Amino acid sequence: IPDENNQEIELMEGEYLGSPVSPGVYEGKVRIVDDPINSELQPGEILVCTATDPAWTSLFPIVGALVLEMGGMLQHGAIVSREYGLPAVVGVANAKKIFHNGQLIQVNGSTGRIKILSD
């Protein structure tokens, strides 16, 4: 994957890359959510989902970071993450299959890198 300088970005095993949309670095446990009403999301967990819309806004005050399978800088989740100061990475294809509940990961919303720290 080329970066702004047309150089290849090297990913190590257990690292994934998406689009950085809200700066910061956060380490925490994954919570995959398909429905914001029955999310079982715990404070400080990293919300991993397909995309968000205004129905998801009530979850943002308790999450530590956000990983979305779809979206860009103007996607709802990206905008709300910036408002709350949460690191966020979007465009991580198959994130809900790559990561699993309880897995410890690091989300870098400044570079777009996501690193699996432990299963």
Protein backbone atom coordinates (compact mmCIF):
# COMPACT_ATOMS: atom_id res chain seq x y z
CA ILE A 1 0.00 0.00 0.00
CA PRO A 2 1.63 3.26 -1.02
CA ASP A 3 1.83 6.19 1.38
CA GLU A 4 1.87 9.91 0.51
CA ASN A 5 5.51 9.64 -0.61
CA ASN A 6 4.75 6.70 -2.94
CA GLN A 7 6.67 4.33 -0.68
CA GLU A 8 5.37 0.94 0.33
CA ILE A 9 4.03 0.70 3.86
CA GLU A 10 5.34 -2.45 5.49
CA LEU A 11 2.92 -4.28 7.74
CA MET A 12 4.13 -6.82 10.26
CA GLU A 13 2.23 -10.01 11.05
CA GLY A 14 -0.89 -9.12 13.03
CA GLU A 15 -1.03 -5.58 11.64
CA TYR A 16 -3.80 -4.18 9.48
CA LEU A 17 -4.22 -0.87 7.71
CA GLY A 18 -7.21 1.36 7.15
CA SER A 19 -7.80 5.07 6.67
CA PRO A 20 -6.94 7.23 9.68
CA VAL A 21 -9.86 9.58 10.39
CA SER A 22 -9.40 10.69 14.02
CA PRO A 23 -5.93 10.98 15.58
CA GLY A 24 -4.59 9.26 18.66
CA VAL A 25 -3.46 5.83 19.83
CA TYR A 26 -5.50 3.52 22.06
CA GLU A 27 -5.04 -0.03 23.33
CA GLY A 28 -8.05 -1.97 24.48
CA LYS A 29 -10.34 -4.95 24.03
CA VAL A 30 -12.45 -5.44 20.93
CA ARG A 31 -16.24 -5.42 21.02
CA ILE A 32 -17.89 -6.34 17.72
CA VAL A 33 -21.31 -4.73 17.49
CA ASP A 34 -24.05 -5.26 14.89
CA ASP A 35 -26.87 -3.50 16.75
CA PRO A 36 -26.30 -0.36 18.84
CA ILE A 37 -29.31 -1.07 21.05
CA ASN A 38 -28.14 -4.54 22.19
CA SER A 39 -24.40 -3.94 22.01
CA GLU A 40 -23.10 -5.29 25.36
CA LEU A 41 -20.35 -2.68 24.89
CA GLN A 42 -18.33 -2.07 28.07
CA PRO A 43 -16.58 1.21 28.96
CA GLY A 44 -13.19 1.52 27.28
CA GLU A 45 -13.74 -1.21 24.71
CA ILE A 46 -12.88 -0.68 21.05
CA LEU A 47 -16.03 -0.58 18.94
CA VAL A 48 -15.65 -2.64 15.75
CA CYS A 49 -18.58 -2.52 13.33
CA THR A 50 -19.52 -2.16 9.68
CA ALA A 51 -20.54 1.52 9.83
CA THR A 52 -22.38 3.92 12.12
CA ASP A 53 -25.24 6.38 11.81
CA PRO A 54 -26.92 8.66 14.38
CA ALA A 55 -28.50 5.64 16.15
CA TRP A 56 -24.96 4.70 17.31
CA THR A 57 -24.12 8.08 18.87
CA SER A 58 -25.06 7.03 22.42
CA LEU A 59 -22.19 4.48 22.39
CA PHE A 60 -19.41 6.98 21.64
CA PRO A 61 -19.06 8.40 25.18
CA ILE A 62 -18.00 4.99 26.54
CA VAL A 63 -15.78 3.60 23.74
CA GLY A 64 -11.99 3.89 23.70
CA ALA A 65 -11.57 3.82 19.92
CA LEU A 66 -13.43 3.00 16.73
CA VAL A 67 -12.73 0.61 13.83
CA LEU A 68 -15.13 0.58 10.87
CA GLU A 69 -15.24 -1.70 7.86
CA MET A 70 -16.61 1.10 5.66
CA GLY A 71 -16.42 4.86 5.44
CA GLY A 72 -14.17 7.84 5.01
CA MET A 73 -13.38 11.21 6.61
CA LEU A 74 -17.00 12.36 6.38
CA GLN A 75 -18.62 9.13 7.57
CA HIS A 76 -20.75 9.57 10.69
CA GLY A 77 -18.39 7.53 12.88
CA ALA A 78 -15.36 9.53 11.74
CA ILE A 79 -17.00 12.87 12.50
CA VAL A 80 -18.31 11.82 15.92
CA SER A 81 -14.95 10.23 16.83
CA ARG A 82 -13.22 13.54 16.16
CA GLU A 83 -15.83 15.35 18.26
CA TYR A 84 -15.17 12.98 21.18
CA GLY A 85 -11.40 12.83 20.64
CA LEU A 86 -11.44 9.07 19.99
CA PRO A 87 -8.84 7.41 17.76
CA ALA A 88 -10.60 6.00 14.70
CA VAL A 89 -9.68 3.98 11.62
CA VAL A 90 -12.15 3.26 8.82
CA GLY A 91 -12.09 1.20 5.65
CA VAL A 92 -10.78 -1.93 7.38
CA ALA A 93 -12.29 -4.61 5.15
CA ASN A 94 -13.58 -7.65 7.06
CA ALA A 95 -12.71 -6.12 10.45
CA LYS A 96 -15.57 -8.05 12.08
CA LYS A 97 -13.99 -11.30 10.87
CA ILE A 98 -10.35 -10.36 11.52
CA PHE A 99 -10.89 -9.28 15.13
CA HIS A 100 -12.93 -10.97 17.87
CA ASN A 101 -14.54 -9.95 21.14
CA GLY A 102 -12.08 -9.59 24.00
CA GLN A 103 -9.02 -9.47 21.75
CA LEU A 104 -6.45 -6.85 22.79
CA ILE A 105 -5.55 -4.50 19.93
CA GLN A 106 -3.92 -1.13 19.38
CA VAL A 107 -5.68 1.41 17.17
CA ASN A 108 -3.59 4.24 15.73
CA GLY A 109 -5.97 6.85 14.38
CA SER A 110 -3.05 8.98 13.19
CA THR A 111 -1.51 6.36 10.85
CA GLY A 112 -4.41 3.97 10.22
CA ARG A 113 -2.53 0.99 11.67
CA ILE A 114 -4.24 -1.58 13.84
CA LYS A 115 -2.07 -4.08 15.67
CA ILE A 116 -3.19 -7.29 17.39
CA LEU A 117 -1.49 -7.36 20.80
CA SER A 118 -2.95 -10.62 22.13
CA ASP A 119 -5.77 -13.04 21.51
